[in-house]
Amino acid sequence: MTARAFTLLELILVLAVLGILASVVAARLSGLRGTQGVELAARQLVEQAQRARHLAISRSLPVRLRLDLATPAVQVQLLRDGAPTDPADGHDARVVLRGGSERLTSTFVRDDAVAMTGQVADIMFWPDARSDPAGTWSIATTGRSAAVHIPGGPRPVTVAIGNGTVHAP
């Protein structure tokens, strides 16, 4: 009876195939993480825009949603007699958008086609449910992007990620 063993060449080929499969799986998971990061940042922005609109209506005061395009971060401020104050509604006044492990870039384009990049963009929410200026905030990582549209009237804030559009609740 003879014992059969693998040759060194066979072992090297099996390890090479496993290495190739592992690199393909890692590349797929990396791309998925980037998509989730952009989606998370878009959802955070939608939550803050809805919060600003709700605060303006419920407190009958104008609310400023400040978009820091360089960070990117979002800050919600009540305007009492023109002076910005913390909304004191139990949430952080300033929220840094998270994009997973990848760096986020962002731009804001008003509906009248004026683009703002690398600076601060302010959107005002009024007690009658208007917002001004209306526009779209685009958030991106390498190869992934999302667009959050903040309408000028009482219509809902929408998110477009990839090819699909999802209305925020």
C-alpha atoms as a PDB file:
ATOM      1  CA  MET A   1       0.000   0.000   0.000  1.00  0.00           C
ATOM      2  CA  THR A   2       1.452   3.344  -1.022  1.00  0.00           C
ATOM      3  CA  ALA A   3       0.627   6.674   0.620  1.00  0.00           C
ATOM      4  CA  ARG A   4      -0.242   9.469  -1.807  1.00  0.00           C
ATOM      5  CA  ALA A   5       0.900  13.005  -0.984  1.00  0.00           C
ATOM      6  CA  PHE A   6       0.613  16.379  -2.703  1.00  0.00           C
ATOM      7  CA  THR A   7       3.591  17.694  -4.592  1.00  0.00           C
ATOM      8  CA  LEU A   8       5.087  21.092  -3.832  1.00  0.00           C
ATOM      9  CA  LEU A   9       3.823  22.374  -7.200  1.00  0.00           C
ATOM     10  CA  GLU A  10       0.228  21.380  -6.390  1.00  0.00           C
ATOM     11  CA  LEU A  11       0.383  23.142  -3.017  1.00  0.00           C
ATOM     12  CA  ILE A  12       1.762  26.324  -4.603  1.00  0.00           C
ATOM     13  CA  LEU A  13      -1.030  26.342  -7.220  1.00  0.00           C
ATOM     14  CA  VAL A  14      -3.735  25.915  -4.554  1.00  0.00           C
ATOM     15  CA  LEU A  15      -2.270  28.772  -2.482  1.00  0.00           C
ATOM     16  CA  ALA A  16      -2.096  31.014  -5.585  1.00  0.00           C
ATOM     17  CA  VAL A  17      -5.763  30.368  -6.398  1.00  0.00           C
ATOM     18  CA  LEU A  18      -6.772  31.082  -2.781  1.00  0.00           C
ATOM     19  CA  GLY A  19      -4.771  34.331  -2.857  1.00  0.00           C
ATOM     20  CA  ILE A  20      -6.521  35.490  -6.033  1.00  0.00           C
ATOM     21  CA  LEU A  21      -9.950  34.677  -4.579  1.00  0.00           C
ATOM     22  CA  ALA A  22      -9.123  36.528  -1.361  1.00  0.00           C
ATOM     23  CA  SER A  23      -8.080  39.663  -3.276  1.00  0.00           C
ATOM     24  CA  VAL A  24     -11.299  39.628  -5.331  1.00  0.00           C
ATOM     25  CA  VAL A  25     -13.437  39.301  -2.180  1.00  0.00           C
ATOM     26  CA  ALA A  26     -11.490  42.103  -0.444  1.00  0.00           C
ATOM     27  CA  ALA A  27     -12.003  44.422  -3.442  1.00  0.00           C
ATOM     28  CA  ARG A  28     -15.749  43.749  -3.448  1.00  0.00           C
ATOM     29  CA  LEU A  29     -16.072  44.391   0.287  1.00  0.00           C
ATOM     30  CA  SER A  30     -14.081  47.606  -0.009  1.00  0.00           C
ATOM     31  CA  GLY A  31     -16.456  48.923  -2.682  1.00  0.00           C
ATOM     32  CA  LEU A  32     -19.449  47.991  -0.562  1.00  0.00           C
ATOM     33  CA  ARG A  33     -18.049  49.866   2.428  1.00  0.00           C
ATOM     34  CA  GLY A  34     -17.679  53.026   0.300  1.00  0.00           C
ATOM     35  CA  THR A  35     -21.313  52.786  -0.813  1.00  0.00           C
ATOM     36  CA  GLN A  36     -22.516  52.385   2.750  1.00  0.00           C
ATOM     37  CA  GLY A  37     -20.421  55.352   3.880  1.00  0.00           C
ATOM     38  CA  VAL A  38     -21.911  57.673   1.284  1.00  0.00           C
ATOM     39  CA  GLU A  39     -25.410  56.422   2.079  1.00  0.00           C
ATOM     40  CA  LEU A  40     -24.836  57.000   5.809  1.00  0.00           C
ATOM     41  CA  ALA A  41     -23.633  60.564   5.194  1.00  0.00           C
ATOM     42  CA  ALA A  42     -26.640  61.271   2.945  1.00  0.00           C
ATOM     43  CA  ARG A  43     -29.031  59.903   5.568  1.00  0.00           C
ATOM     44  CA  GLN A  44     -27.400  62.080   8.248  1.00  0.00           C
ATOM     45  CA  LEU A  45     -27.883  65.156   6.064  1.00  0.00           C
ATOM     46  CA  VAL A  46     -31.533  64.275   5.419  1.00  0.00           C
ATOM     47  CA  GLU A  47     -32.144  63.838   9.157  1.00  0.00           C
ATOM     48  CA  GLN A  48     -30.643  67.255   9.894  1.00  0.00           C
ATOM     49  CA  ALA A  49     -32.638  68.963   7.108  1.00  0.00           C
ATOM     50  CA  GLN A  50     -35.864  67.390   8.385  1.00  0.00           C
ATOM     51  CA  ARG A  51     -34.919  68.414  11.922  1.00  0.00           C
ATOM     52  CA  ALA A  52     -34.316  72.022  10.818  1.00  0.00           C
ATOM     53  CA  ARG A  53     -37.669  72.150   8.990  1.00  0.00           C
ATOM     54  CA  HIS A  54     -39.467  70.657  12.016  1.00  0.00           C
ATOM     55  CA  LEU A  55     -37.827  73.120  14.425  1.00  0.00           C
ATOM     56  CA  ALA A  56     -38.768  76.091  12.215  1.00  0.00           C
ATOM     57  CA  ILE A  57     -42.416  75.023  12.075  1.00  0.00           C
ATOM     58  CA  SER A  58     -42.785  73.905  15.707  1.00  0.00           C
ATOM     59  CA  ARG A  59     -40.992  76.912  17.268  1.00  0.00           C
ATOM     60  CA  SER A  60     -42.216  79.512  14.752  1.00  0.00           C
ATOM     61  CA  LEU A  61     -38.663  80.761  14.283  1.00  0.00           C
ATOM     62  CA  PRO A  62     -36.321  80.715  11.297  1.00  0.00           C
ATOM     63  CA  VAL A  63     -33.730  77.940  11.426  1.00  0.00           C
ATOM     64  CA  ARG A  64     -30.402  77.980   9.615  1.00  0.00           C
ATOM     65  CA  LEU A  65     -28.909  74.745   8.327  1.00  0.00           C
ATOM     66  CA  ARG A  66     -25.233  75.498   7.786  1.00  0.00           C
ATOM     67  CA  LEU A  67     -23.439  73.135   5.416  1.00  0.00           C
ATOM     68  CA  ASP A  68     -19.689  73.142   5.967  1.00  0.00           C
ATOM     69  CA  LEU A  69     -18.580  71.818   2.592  1.00  0.00           C
ATOM     70  CA  ALA A  70     -14.920  71.449   3.568  1.00  0.00           C
ATOM     71  CA  THR A  71     -15.409  69.211   6.637  1.00  0.00           C
ATOM     72  CA  PRO A  72     -18.241  68.128   5.641  1.00  0.00           C
ATOM     73  CA  ALA A  73     -20.510  68.893   8.578  1.00  0.00           C
ATOM     74  CA  VAL A  74     -24.005  70.206   9.212  1.00  0.00           C
ATOM     75  CA  GLN A  75     -24.993  72.687  11.907  1.00  0.00           C
ATOM     76  CA  VAL A  76     -28.558  73.528  12.962  1.00  0.00           C
ATOM     77  CA  GLN A  77     -29.128  76.974  14.518  1.00  0.00           C
ATOM     78  CA  LEU A  78     -32.305  78.723  15.665  1.00  0.00           C
ATOM     79  CA  LEU A  79     -32.352  82.421  14.785  1.00  0.00           C
ATOM     80  CA  ARG A  80     -33.826  84.522  17.583  1.00  0.00           C
ATOM     81  CA  ASP A  81     -33.879  88.197  16.642  1.00  0.00           C
ATOM     82  CA  GLY A  82     -31.280  87.424  13.959  1.00  0.00           C
ATOM     83  CA  ALA A  83     -28.811  85.880  16.425  1.00  0.00           C
ATOM     84  CA  PRO A  84     -27.950  82.175  16.042  1.00  0.00           C
ATOM     85  CA  THR A  85     -28.613  79.977  19.086  1.00  0.00           C
ATOM     86  CA  ASP A  86     -28.391  76.288  19.886  1.00  0.00           C
ATOM     87  CA  PRO A  87     -31.761  74.613  19.255  1.00  0.00           C
ATOM     88  CA  ALA A  88     -31.606  72.844  22.671  1.00  0.00           C
ATOM     89  CA  ASP A  89     -33.742  69.982  21.378  1.00  0.00           C
ATOM     90  CA  GLY A  90     -31.633  67.176  22.820  1.00  0.00           C
ATOM     91  CA  HIS A  91     -29.543  66.682  19.665  1.00  0.00           C
ATOM     92  CA  ASP A  92     -26.078  67.920  18.761  1.00  0.00           C
ATOM     93  CA  ALA A  93     -26.142  71.318  17.090  1.00  0.00           C
ATOM     94  CA  ARG A  94     -23.248  70.292  14.799  1.00  0.00           C
ATOM     95  CA  VAL A  95     -22.998  66.885  13.128  1.00  0.00           C
ATOM     96  CA  VAL A  96     -19.908  65.775  11.206  1.00  0.00           C
ATOM     97  CA  LEU A  97     -21.022  63.565   8.335  1.00  0.00           C
ATOM     98  CA  ARG A  98     -19.405  60.152   8.353  1.00  0.00           C
ATOM     99  CA  GLY A  99     -18.339  58.397   5.178  1.00  0.00           C
ATOM    100  CA  GLY A 100     -16.904  55.219   6.602  1.00  0.00           C
ATOM    101  CA  SER A 101     -13.152  54.940   6.167  1.00  0.00           C
ATOM    102  CA  GLU A 102     -13.050  57.020   2.966  1.00  0.00           C
ATOM    103  CA  ARG A 103     -12.778  60.806   2.808  1.00  0.00           C
ATOM    104  CA  LEU A 104     -15.945  62.583   1.745  1.00  0.00           C
ATOM    105  CA  THR A 105     -16.039  65.491  -0.682  1.00  0.00           C
ATOM    106  CA  SER A 106     -19.087  67.652  -1.169  1.00  0.00           C
ATOM    107  CA  THR A 107     -20.592  70.431  -3.243  1.00  0.00           C
ATOM    108  CA  PHE A 108     -23.828  72.389  -3.004  1.00  0.00           C
ATOM    109  CA  VAL A 109     -25.595  73.607  -6.134  1.00  0.00           C
ATOM    110  CA  ARG A 110     -28.563  75.907  -5.709  1.00  0.00           C
ATOM    111  CA  ASP A 111     -31.580  75.354  -7.927  1.00  0.00           C
ATOM    112  CA  ASP A 112     -30.641  78.567  -9.767  1.00  0.00           C
ATOM    113  CA  ALA A 113     -27.400  76.740 -10.807  1.00  0.00           C
ATOM    114  CA  VAL A 114     -24.991  78.660  -8.567  1.00  0.00           C
ATOM    115  CA  ALA A 115     -22.396  76.147  -7.309  1.00  0.00           C
ATOM    116  CA  MET A 116     -20.638  76.448  -3.964  1.00  0.00           C
ATOM    117  CA  THR A 117     -17.573  74.347  -3.212  1.00  0.00           C
ATOM    118  CA  GLY A 118     -15.043  74.339  -0.383  1.00  0.00           C
ATOM    119  CA  GLN A 119     -16.953  76.848   1.740  1.00  0.00           C
ATOM    120  CA  VAL A 120     -20.050  77.248   3.856  1.00  0.00           C
ATOM    121  CA  ALA A 121     -23.564  77.129   2.410  1.00  0.00           C
ATOM    122  CA  ASP A 122     -26.548  78.275   4.478  1.00  0.00           C
ATOM    123  CA  ILE A 123     -30.082  77.062   3.933  1.00  0.00           C
ATOM    124  CA  MET A 124     -32.856  78.851   5.796  1.00  0.00           C
ATOM    125  CA  PHE A 125     -35.983  77.013   6.928  1.00  0.00           C
ATOM    126  CA  TRP A 126     -38.976  79.217   7.672  1.00  0.00           C
ATOM    127  CA  PRO A 127     -42.021  78.606   9.917  1.00  0.00           C
ATOM    128  CA  ASP A 128     -44.279  78.326   6.828  1.00  0.00           C
ATOM    129  CA  ALA A 129     -42.234  75.226   5.657  1.00  0.00           C
ATOM    130  CA  ARG A 130     -40.273  77.094   2.965  1.00  0.00           C
ATOM    131  CA  SER A 131     -36.534  76.691   2.581  1.00  0.00           C
ATOM    132  CA  ASP A 132     -34.206  79.076   0.812  1.00  0.00           C
ATOM    133  CA  PRO A 133     -32.196  78.528  -1.260  1.00  0.00           C
ATOM    134  CA  ALA A 134     -33.388  75.222  -2.601  1.00  0.00           C
ATOM    135  CA  GLY A 135     -30.637  73.047  -3.951  1.00  0.00           C
ATOM    136  CA  THR A 136     -28.789  69.755  -4.114  1.00  0.00           C
ATOM    137  CA  TRP A 137     -25.914  68.719  -1.904  1.00  0.00           C
ATOM    138  CA  SER A 138     -23.704  66.104  -3.532  1.00  0.00           C
ATOM    139  CA  ILE A 139     -21.573  63.863  -1.333  1.00  0.00           C
ATOM    140  CA  ALA A 140     -18.924  61.590  -2.833  1.00  0.00           C
ATOM    141  CA  THR A 141     -16.066  59.229  -2.113  1.00  0.00           C
ATOM    142  CA  THR A 142     -13.880  57.555  -4.691  1.00  0.00           C
ATOM    143  CA  GLY A 143     -16.305  56.057  -7.219  1.00  0.00           C
ATOM    144  CA  ARG A 144     -19.425  56.536  -5.041  1.00  0.00           C
ATOM    145  CA  SER A 145     -21.827  59.441  -4.753  1.00  0.00           C
ATOM    146  CA  ALA A 146     -25.167  60.530  -3.377  1.00  0.00           C
ATOM    147  CA  ALA A 147     -27.263  63.636  -3.933  1.00  0.00           C
ATOM    148  CA  VAL A 148     -29.601  65.143  -1.341  1.00  0.00           C
ATOM    149  CA  HIS A 149     -32.155  67.578  -2.763  1.00  0.00           C
ATOM    150  CA  ILE A 150     -33.602  70.152  -0.385  1.00  0.00           C
ATOM    151  CA  PRO A 151     -36.707  71.629  -2.045  1.00  0.00           C
ATOM    152  CA  GLY A 152     -37.874  75.214  -1.674  1.00  0.00           C
ATOM    153  CA  GLY A 153     -41.324  74.309  -0.401  1.00  0.00           C
ATOM    154  CA  PRO A 154     -42.946  71.747   1.846  1.00  0.00           C
ATOM    155  CA  ARG A 155     -42.048  68.815  -0.436  1.00  0.00           C
ATOM    156  CA  PRO A 156     -39.930  66.098   1.221  1.00  0.00           C
ATOM    157  CA  VAL A 157     -36.155  66.090   1.161  1.00  0.00           C
ATOM    158  CA  THR A 158     -35.022  63.353  -1.246  1.00  0.00           C
ATOM    159  CA  VAL A 159     -31.900  61.254  -1.556  1.00  0.00           C
ATOM    160  CA  ALA A 160     -30.530  59.814  -4.796  1.00  0.00           C
ATOM    161  CA  ILE A 161     -27.888  57.130  -4.340  1.00  0.00           C
ATOM    162  CA  GLY A 162     -26.589  55.544  -7.504  1.00  0.00           C
ATOM    163  CA  ASN A 163     -29.547  55.034  -9.843  1.00  0.00           C
ATOM    164  CA  GLY A 164     -32.376  54.919  -7.275  1.00  0.00           C
ATOM    165  CA  THR A 165     -34.189  57.729  -5.537  1.00  0.00           C
ATOM    166  CA  VAL A 166     -35.455  57.209  -2.014  1.00  0.00           C
ATOM    167  CA  HIS A 167     -37.817  59.632  -0.309  1.00  0.00           C
ATOM    168  CA  ALA A 168     -36.793  60.155   3.275  1.00  0.00           C
ATOM    169  CA  PRO A 169     -39.550  59.363   5.776  1.00  0.00           C
END
